[in-house]
């Protein structure tokens, strides 16, 4: 049973801090360098004002939308995040089941602690696979083929991590995976363990295995390799987003990797309208980073995003109460969005537009 004092996402964050060991909480919670972007991701949504309408005659609200042609019950999706078994024993399976029960999309990280076949067997549609391109292109191709065979419905290419952001909390803690946990999707080929180094083992793993010279040629290669829709995750510029659409991306995700890569990059709230304007409907635009309230979701939709993705809140829910905790976090955001729509005068998520952001 969910404790009654856990009323919002921030409550779950605090409770997760008590439930997790300090090194794991810091890994989930931390950002790059001075964590400026990490903080501004949250603050920018909070500072954006809603010029609400009154006497709009709003009755029951319809929060549903479509993403990549698939219906979801609300415009809140589960973002790809790594190493869920650090939060709870069932790990990614628990998160996937929570997303299914909430009627929304789930995206599995390449860096999962459970093999994709097991996770996707437990997941409901829509279910996506997030891809890092390895230096070993044959291994990357194998990951794509396995994801397709396991039932993935889209490939989400992360493009903001050609190198690993300097996450000082992880370096101080010497972050690594405990015995018994691996990068499960590549463990069978001997690439599931972190190098033994001083500092962050994850950062060393990325330097060893991930492609650093990532380019738009890699997007072309992926679109040619997979028949699934390709989503480009990690853009903050309108011109990059537009080019991604022109080269075959079905959607882009405005993201700065949760403030974990380039510190002082713009918050996603600030980057989103520029991307929306430049893409001009050529592909769907999603956004993550700092979404902590249902009103944040409404603001993102008002700017033109199709949906938002949440990462840390789901991890916090897993840490507090496994699948039930993750589901509770999603349902909190649903209830808050429904309330915000009522107070702003909207009956349907599809009606929300930029007019609510100006008097």
Protein backbone atom coordinates (compact mmCIF):
# COMPACT_ATOMS: atom_id res chain seq x y z
CA UNK A 1 0.00 0.00 0.00
CA UNK A 2 1.30 3.46 -0.91
CA UNK A 3 1.96 5.58 2.20
CA UNK A 4 -0.57 8.43 2.32
CA UNK A 5 2.16 11.03 2.85
CA UNK A 6 3.50 10.43 -0.68
CA UNK A 7 1.33 13.01 -2.38
CA UNK A 8 3.51 14.10 -5.30
CA UNK A 9 6.60 13.27 -7.34
CA UNK A 10 8.90 15.24 -5.05
CA UNK A 11 7.70 13.19 -2.07
CA UNK A 12 8.76 10.06 -3.95
CA UNK A 13 12.13 11.63 -4.65
CA UNK A 14 12.73 12.27 -0.97
CA UNK A 15 11.54 8.80 -0.02
CA UNK A 16 13.83 7.26 -2.65
CA UNK A 17 16.74 9.12 -1.09
CA UNK A 18 16.00 7.32 2.17
CA UNK A 19 15.47 3.92 0.53
CA UNK A 20 18.55 3.80 -1.71
CA UNK A 21 22.22 3.68 -0.83
CA UNK A 22 23.91 7.08 -1.31
CA UNK A 23 25.89 6.02 -4.38
CA UNK A 24 22.81 4.68 -6.17
CA UNK A 25 20.68 7.70 -5.29
CA UNK A 26 23.44 10.01 -6.48
CA UNK A 27 23.67 8.09 -9.76
CA UNK A 28 19.92 8.40 -10.35
CA UNK A 29 19.62 11.94 -9.04
CA UNK A 30 22.83 13.65 -10.13
CA UNK A 31 23.88 15.69 -13.12
CA UNK A 32 27.02 16.94 -14.83
CA UNK A 33 29.56 19.31 -13.26
CA UNK A 34 27.79 22.05 -11.24
CA UNK A 35 24.35 20.60 -12.10
CA UNK A 36 23.10 23.93 -13.44
CA UNK A 37 21.11 22.34 -16.27
CA UNK A 38 19.80 19.69 -13.87
CA UNK A 39 18.28 22.38 -11.65
CA UNK A 40 17.07 24.59 -14.49
CA UNK A 41 15.26 21.69 -16.15
CA UNK A 42 12.89 21.69 -13.17
CA UNK A 43 12.88 25.42 -12.44
CA UNK A 44 12.07 26.50 -16.00
CA UNK A 45 8.81 24.58 -16.08
CA UNK A 46 7.92 25.99 -12.66
CA UNK A 47 8.59 29.57 -13.76
CA UNK A 48 6.48 29.37 -16.91
CA UNK A 49 3.07 30.91 -16.21
CA UNK A 50 -0.36 29.66 -17.18
CA UNK A 51 -2.92 32.31 -18.14
CA UNK A 52 -5.94 30.16 -17.31
CA UNK A 53 -9.39 30.57 -18.76
CA UNK A 54 -12.54 30.74 -16.65
CA UNK A 55 -16.15 29.72 -17.26
CA UNK A 56 -15.05 27.36 -20.03
CA UNK A 57 -17.76 24.80 -19.32
CA UNK A 58 -15.32 21.91 -19.00
CA UNK A 59 -16.77 18.55 -18.04
CA UNK A 60 -14.99 15.18 -18.11
CA UNK A 61 -11.46 15.40 -19.47
CA UNK A 62 -9.92 13.22 -22.19
CA UNK A 63 -6.16 12.94 -21.65
CA UNK A 64 -5.52 10.42 -24.42
CA UNK A 65 -3.34 11.06 -27.44
CA UNK A 66 -1.40 9.16 -30.08
CA UNK A 67 2.36 8.79 -30.33
CA UNK A 68 3.83 7.32 -33.52
CA UNK A 69 0.29 6.34 -34.43
CA UNK A 70 -0.37 4.38 -31.24
CA UNK A 71 -3.01 5.43 -28.72
CA UNK A 72 -1.88 6.11 -25.14
CA UNK A 73 -4.11 6.99 -22.21
CA UNK A 74 -2.19 10.17 -21.41
CA UNK A 75 0.69 12.21 -22.88
CA UNK A 76 3.12 10.98 -20.21
CA UNK A 77 5.50 8.23 -21.35
CA UNK A 78 8.22 6.31 -19.50
CA UNK A 79 11.67 7.49 -20.56
CA UNK A 80 14.64 5.15 -21.01
CA UNK A 81 16.75 5.03 -17.86
CA UNK A 82 19.49 2.59 -16.93
CA UNK A 83 20.00 -0.05 -14.26
CA UNK A 84 16.53 -0.43 -12.76
CA UNK A 85 17.56 -3.39 -10.60
CA UNK A 86 19.52 -0.93 -8.47
CA UNK A 87 16.09 0.38 -7.44
CA UNK A 88 14.15 -2.86 -6.97
CA UNK A 89 14.66 -6.57 -7.63
CA UNK A 90 12.25 -6.79 -10.59
CA UNK A 91 13.91 -3.80 -12.22
CA UNK A 92 12.87 -3.01 -15.78
CA UNK A 93 10.11 -5.63 -15.74
CA UNK A 94 8.41 -3.75 -12.89
CA UNK A 95 8.68 -0.45 -14.75
CA UNK A 96 7.32 -1.96 -17.96
CA UNK A 97 4.36 -3.47 -16.16
CA UNK A 98 3.62 -0.15 -14.44
CA UNK A 99 3.60 1.63 -17.80
CA UNK A 100 1.25 -1.01 -19.21
CA UNK A 101 -1.14 -0.66 -16.30
CA UNK A 102 -1.09 3.11 -16.79
CA UNK A 103 -1.87 2.64 -20.49
CA UNK A 104 1.20 4.45 -21.73
CA UNK A 105 4.40 3.81 -23.66
CA UNK A 106 7.53 2.29 -22.15
CA UNK A 107 11.05 2.77 -23.51
CA UNK A 108 13.76 0.32 -22.46
CA UNK A 109 17.35 1.53 -22.10
CA UNK A 110 20.23 -0.26 -23.82
CA UNK A 111 21.83 -0.17 -20.38
CA UNK A 112 19.17 -2.28 -18.73
CA UNK A 113 19.89 -4.81 -16.01
CA UNK A 114 17.33 -7.18 -17.55
CA UNK A 115 17.56 -8.60 -21.05
CA UNK A 116 15.22 -6.97 -23.54
CA UNK A 117 13.45 -10.23 -24.36
CA UNK A 118 12.27 -10.63 -20.77
CA UNK A 119 11.23 -7.01 -20.45
CA UNK A 120 9.31 -6.79 -23.71
CA UNK A 121 7.52 -10.05 -22.92
CA UNK A 122 6.12 -8.32 -19.82
CA UNK A 123 5.46 -4.96 -21.48
CA UNK A 124 2.28 -3.72 -23.11
CA UNK A 125 2.24 -1.66 -26.29
CA UNK A 126 3.63 0.78 -27.18
CA UNK A 127 7.13 -0.45 -26.28
CA UNK A 128 10.32 1.10 -27.60
CA UNK A 129 14.03 0.28 -27.45
CA UNK A 130 16.60 2.99 -26.75
CA UNK A 131 19.85 2.47 -28.63
CA UNK A 132 23.42 3.61 -28.07
CA UNK A 133 25.59 2.95 -31.10
CA UNK A 134 28.52 0.79 -30.08
CA UNK A 135 31.91 0.98 -31.75
CA UNK A 136 31.24 -2.64 -32.66
CA UNK A 137 28.74 -2.03 -35.46
CA UNK A 138 27.94 -5.73 -35.72
CA UNK A 139 26.89 -5.75 -32.06
CA UNK A 140 24.75 -2.67 -32.64
CA UNK A 141 23.06 -4.35 -35.59
CA UNK A 142 22.43 -7.41 -33.42
CA UNK A 143 20.80 -5.28 -30.71
CA UNK A 144 18.45 -3.77 -33.30
CA UNK A 145 17.52 -7.20 -34.67
CA UNK A 146 16.90 -8.58 -31.20
CA UNK A 147 14.71 -5.59 -30.30
CA UNK A 148 12.65 -6.08 -33.46
CA UNK A 149 12.27 -9.80 -32.78
CA UNK A 150 11.27 -9.14 -29.17
CA UNK A 151 8.43 -6.84 -30.22
CA UNK A 152 9.86 -3.33 -29.99
CA UNK A 153 7.79 -0.84 -31.96
CA UNK A 154 10.36 1.94 -32.34
CA UNK A 155 14.11 2.49 -31.99
CA UNK A 156 15.07 5.53 -29.92
CA UNK A 157 18.55 6.70 -30.91
CA UNK A 158 20.31 8.70 -28.20
CA UNK A 159 22.48 11.34 -29.87
CA UNK A 160 23.61 13.57 -26.99
CA UNK A 161 26.17 11.13 -25.56
CA UNK A 162 29.14 10.79 -27.95
CA UNK A 163 31.10 11.09 -24.71
CA UNK A 164 29.98 10.82 -21.11
CA UNK A 165 29.21 13.93 -19.10
CA UNK A 166 31.45 14.54 -16.10
CA UNK A 167 29.17 13.46 -13.28
CA UNK A 168 31.20 14.31 -10.23
CA UNK A 169 28.93 12.54 -7.77
CA UNK A 170 29.60 9.26 -9.60
CA UNK A 171 33.33 9.91 -9.74
CA UNK A 172 33.48 10.58 -5.99
CA UNK A 173 31.41 7.49 -5.24
CA UNK A 174 33.32 5.24 -7.63
CA UNK A 175 29.96 4.26 -9.15
CA UNK A 176 29.68 0.73 -10.50
CA UNK A 177 27.29 -2.18 -10.63
CA UNK A 178 27.27 -4.52 -7.63
CA UNK A 179 28.02 -8.25 -8.04
CA UNK A 180 25.25 -10.02 -9.89
CA UNK A 181 24.18 -7.07 -12.04
CA UNK A 182 25.40 -6.45 -15.58
CA UNK A 183 24.54 -4.54 -18.73
CA UNK A 184 22.31 -7.48 -19.54
CA UNK A 185 21.71 -6.91 -23.24
CA UNK A 186 25.40 -7.23 -24.10
CA UNK A 187 26.55 -9.53 -21.30
CA UNK A 188 26.40 -12.62 -23.59
CA UNK A 189 29.14 -11.12 -25.78
CA UNK A 190 31.38 -10.16 -22.88
CA UNK A 191 30.49 -6.46 -22.70
CA UNK A 192 28.23 -6.50 -19.66
CA UNK A 193 30.75 -5.47 -16.98
CA UNK A 194 32.34 -2.13 -16.18
CA UNK A 195 36.12 -1.69 -16.37
CA UNK A 196 37.86 -1.68 -12.99
CA UNK A 197 38.98 1.94 -12.67
CA UNK A 198 39.25 4.71 -10.14
CA UNK A 199 36.21 6.94 -10.43
CA UNK A 200 33.07 6.13 -12.41
CA UNK A 201 33.06 2.66 -13.92
CA UNK A 202 30.13 3.68 -16.12
CA UNK A 203 32.08 6.57 -17.64
CA UNK A 204 34.94 4.18 -18.39
CA UNK A 205 32.51 1.71 -19.96
CA UNK A 206 31.14 4.40 -22.29
CA UNK A 207 34.62 5.53 -23.34
CA UNK A 208 35.53 1.92 -24.11
CA UNK A 209 32.45 0.84 -26.03
CA UNK A 210 30.31 3.71 -27.37
CA UNK A 211 30.84 5.38 -30.74
CA UNK A 212 32.21 8.88 -30.12
CA UNK A 213 32.22 10.10 -33.75
CA UNK A 214 28.42 9.99 -34.01
CA UNK A 215 27.09 11.77 -37.10
CA UNK A 216 24.00 12.11 -39.25
CA UNK A 217 25.43 9.27 -41.34
CA UNK A 218 24.67 7.04 -38.36
CA UNK A 219 21.04 8.14 -38.48
CA UNK A 220 20.95 7.26 -42.18
CA UNK A 221 22.49 3.88 -41.36
CA UNK A 222 19.93 3.18 -38.63
CA UNK A 223 16.96 4.16 -40.80
CA UNK A 224 18.27 1.82 -43.49
CA UNK A 225 19.00 -0.99 -41.03
CA UNK A 226 15.66 -1.08 -39.21
CA UNK A 227 12.14 -1.04 -40.56
CA UNK A 228 10.89 0.36 -37.26
CA UNK A 229 10.22 4.08 -36.77
CA UNK A 230 13.33 5.88 -35.54
CA UNK A 231 13.11 8.49 -32.78
CA UNK A 232 16.08 10.82 -32.27
CA UNK A 233 16.57 11.61 -28.59
CA UNK A 234 18.76 14.41 -27.28
CA UNK A 235 18.27 17.44 -29.55
CA UNK A 236 18.18 21.00 -28.25
CA UNK A 237 18.53 22.92 -31.53
CA UNK A 238 15.84 23.47 -34.11
CA UNK A 239 18.18 22.92 -37.05
CA UNK A 240 19.34 19.54 -35.72
CA UNK A 241 15.73 18.51 -35.16
CA UNK A 242 14.69 19.58 -38.65
CA UNK A 243 17.59 17.71 -40.25
CA UNK A 244 16.72 14.61 -38.23
CA UNK A 245 13.20 14.74 -39.64
CA UNK A 246 14.49 15.29 -43.17
CA UNK A 247 16.73 12.24 -42.84
CA UNK A 248 13.98 9.92 -41.73
CA UNK A 249 13.25 10.39 -38.03
CA UNK A 250 9.61 9.80 -37.19
CA UNK A 251 9.99 11.86 -34.01
CA UNK A 252 12.55 13.80 -32.02
CA UNK A 253 12.85 14.11 -28.27
CA UNK A 254 14.01 17.46 -26.94
CA UNK A 255 16.32 16.33 -24.18
CA UNK A 256 19.60 17.20 -22.47
CA UNK A 257 19.95 13.73 -20.92
CA UNK A 258 18.42 14.95 -17.67
CA UNK A 259 21.17 17.53 -17.18
CA UNK A 260 23.75 14.74 -17.14
CA UNK A 261 25.81 15.60 -20.23
CA UNK A 262 26.70 19.24 -21.08
CA UNK A 263 26.19 21.46 -18.07
CA UNK A 264 24.73 24.92 -18.82
CA UNK A 265 22.93 23.50 -21.85
CA UNK A 266 19.49 25.11 -22.04
CA UNK A 267 16.65 23.61 -20.12
CA UNK A 268 14.33 21.55 -22.27
CA UNK A 269 11.52 24.00 -21.50
CA UNK A 270 13.59 26.75 -23.14
CA UNK A 271 14.71 24.61 -26.09
CA UNK A 272 11.32 23.11 -26.93
CA UNK A 273 9.62 26.07 -28.68
CA UNK A 274 12.59 26.59 -31.01
CA UNK A 275 12.48 22.93 -32.02
CA UNK A 276 8.71 23.02 -32.54
CA UNK A 277 8.97 26.07 -34.78
CA UNK A 278 11.80 24.69 -36.94
CA UNK A 279 10.36 21.20 -37.31
CA UNK A 280 7.06 22.75 -38.43
CA UNK A 281 5.15 19.47 -38.32
CA UNK A 282 7.69 17.40 -40.25
CA UNK A 283 7.79 14.88 -37.40
CA UNK A 284 6.41 14.46 -33.90
CA UNK A 285 8.18 16.33 -31.11
CA UNK A 286 8.42 14.94 -27.58
CA UNK A 287 10.25 16.37 -24.58
CA UNK A 288 11.77 15.17 -21.32
CA UNK A 289 13.73 16.75 -18.50
CA UNK A 290 12.42 18.24 -15.26
CA UNK A 291 8.77 17.21 -15.61
CA UNK A 292 7.56 16.95 -12.01
CA UNK A 293 3.93 18.13 -12.09
CA UNK A 294 0.91 17.64 -14.28
CA UNK A 295 0.98 21.37 -14.97
CA UNK A 296 4.46 20.88 -16.48
CA UNK A 297 2.92 18.38 -18.88
CA UNK A 298 0.22 20.87 -19.84
CA UNK A 299 2.86 23.55 -20.52
CA UNK A 300 4.81 21.19 -22.77
CA UNK A 301 1.66 20.35 -24.72
CA UNK A 302 0.84 24.05 -24.98
CA UNK A 303 4.21 24.66 -26.65
CA UNK A 304 3.44 21.95 -29.19
CA UNK A 305 4.93 18.74 -27.80
CA UNK A 306 2.98 15.57 -28.57
CA UNK A 307 3.86 14.09 -25.17
CA UNK A 308 6.46 14.17 -22.40
CA UNK A 309 8.69 11.44 -21.00
CA UNK A 310 9.61 11.01 -17.34
CA UNK A 311 12.68 9.18 -16.08
CA UNK A 312 13.78 9.93 -12.54
CA UNK A 313 10.21 9.96 -11.13
CA UNK A 314 9.70 6.37 -12.30
CA UNK A 315 13.01 5.32 -10.74
CA UNK A 316 11.97 6.96 -7.48
CA UNK A 317 8.69 5.07 -7.56
CA UNK A 318 10.53 1.78 -8.16
CA UNK A 319 12.86 2.50 -5.24
CA UNK A 320 10.00 3.20 -2.84
CA UNK A 321 7.60 0.40 -3.79
CA UNK A 322 8.58 -1.40 -6.98
CA UNK A 323 5.92 -1.70 -9.67
CA UNK A 324 3.24 -0.17 -7.44
CA UNK A 325 5.43 2.84 -6.71
CA UNK A 326 6.18 3.44 -10.39
CA UNK A 327 2.48 3.17 -11.20
CA UNK A 328 1.63 5.57 -8.39
CA UNK A 329 4.01 8.20 -9.79
CA UNK A 330 2.40 7.93 -13.23
CA UNK A 331 -1.08 8.17 -11.75
CA UNK A 332 -0.09 11.26 -9.74
CA UNK A 333 0.96 12.97 -12.95
CA UNK A 334 -2.28 11.88 -14.61
CA UNK A 335 -4.42 13.31 -11.82
CA UNK A 336 -2.47 16.56 -11.77
CA UNK A 337 -2.74 16.97 -15.55
CA UNK A 338 -6.47 16.32 -15.43
CA UNK A 339 -6.83 18.96 -12.70
CA UNK A 340 -4.68 21.47 -14.60
CA UNK A 341 -6.79 20.96 -17.73
CA UNK A 342 -9.96 21.66 -15.76
CA UNK A 343 -8.54 24.80 -14.19
CA UNK A 344 -7.20 26.05 -17.54
CA UNK A 345 -10.42 25.36 -19.44
CA UNK A 346 -9.53 22.32 -21.57
CA UNK A 347 -11.61 19.19 -22.00
CA UNK A 348 -9.18 17.37 -24.31
CA UNK A 349 -5.40 17.14 -24.37
CA UNK A 350 -5.45 17.83 -28.09
CA UNK A 351 -7.03 21.25 -27.51
CA UNK A 352 -4.13 22.63 -25.50
CA UNK A 353 -2.20 25.32 -27.39
CA UNK A 354 0.15 28.25 -26.86
CA UNK A 355 -2.64 30.70 -26.12
CA UNK A 356 -2.65 29.49 -22.49
CA UNK A 357 0.94 30.75 -22.12
CA UNK A 358 0.11 34.39 -22.84
CA UNK A 359 -2.56 36.82 -21.63
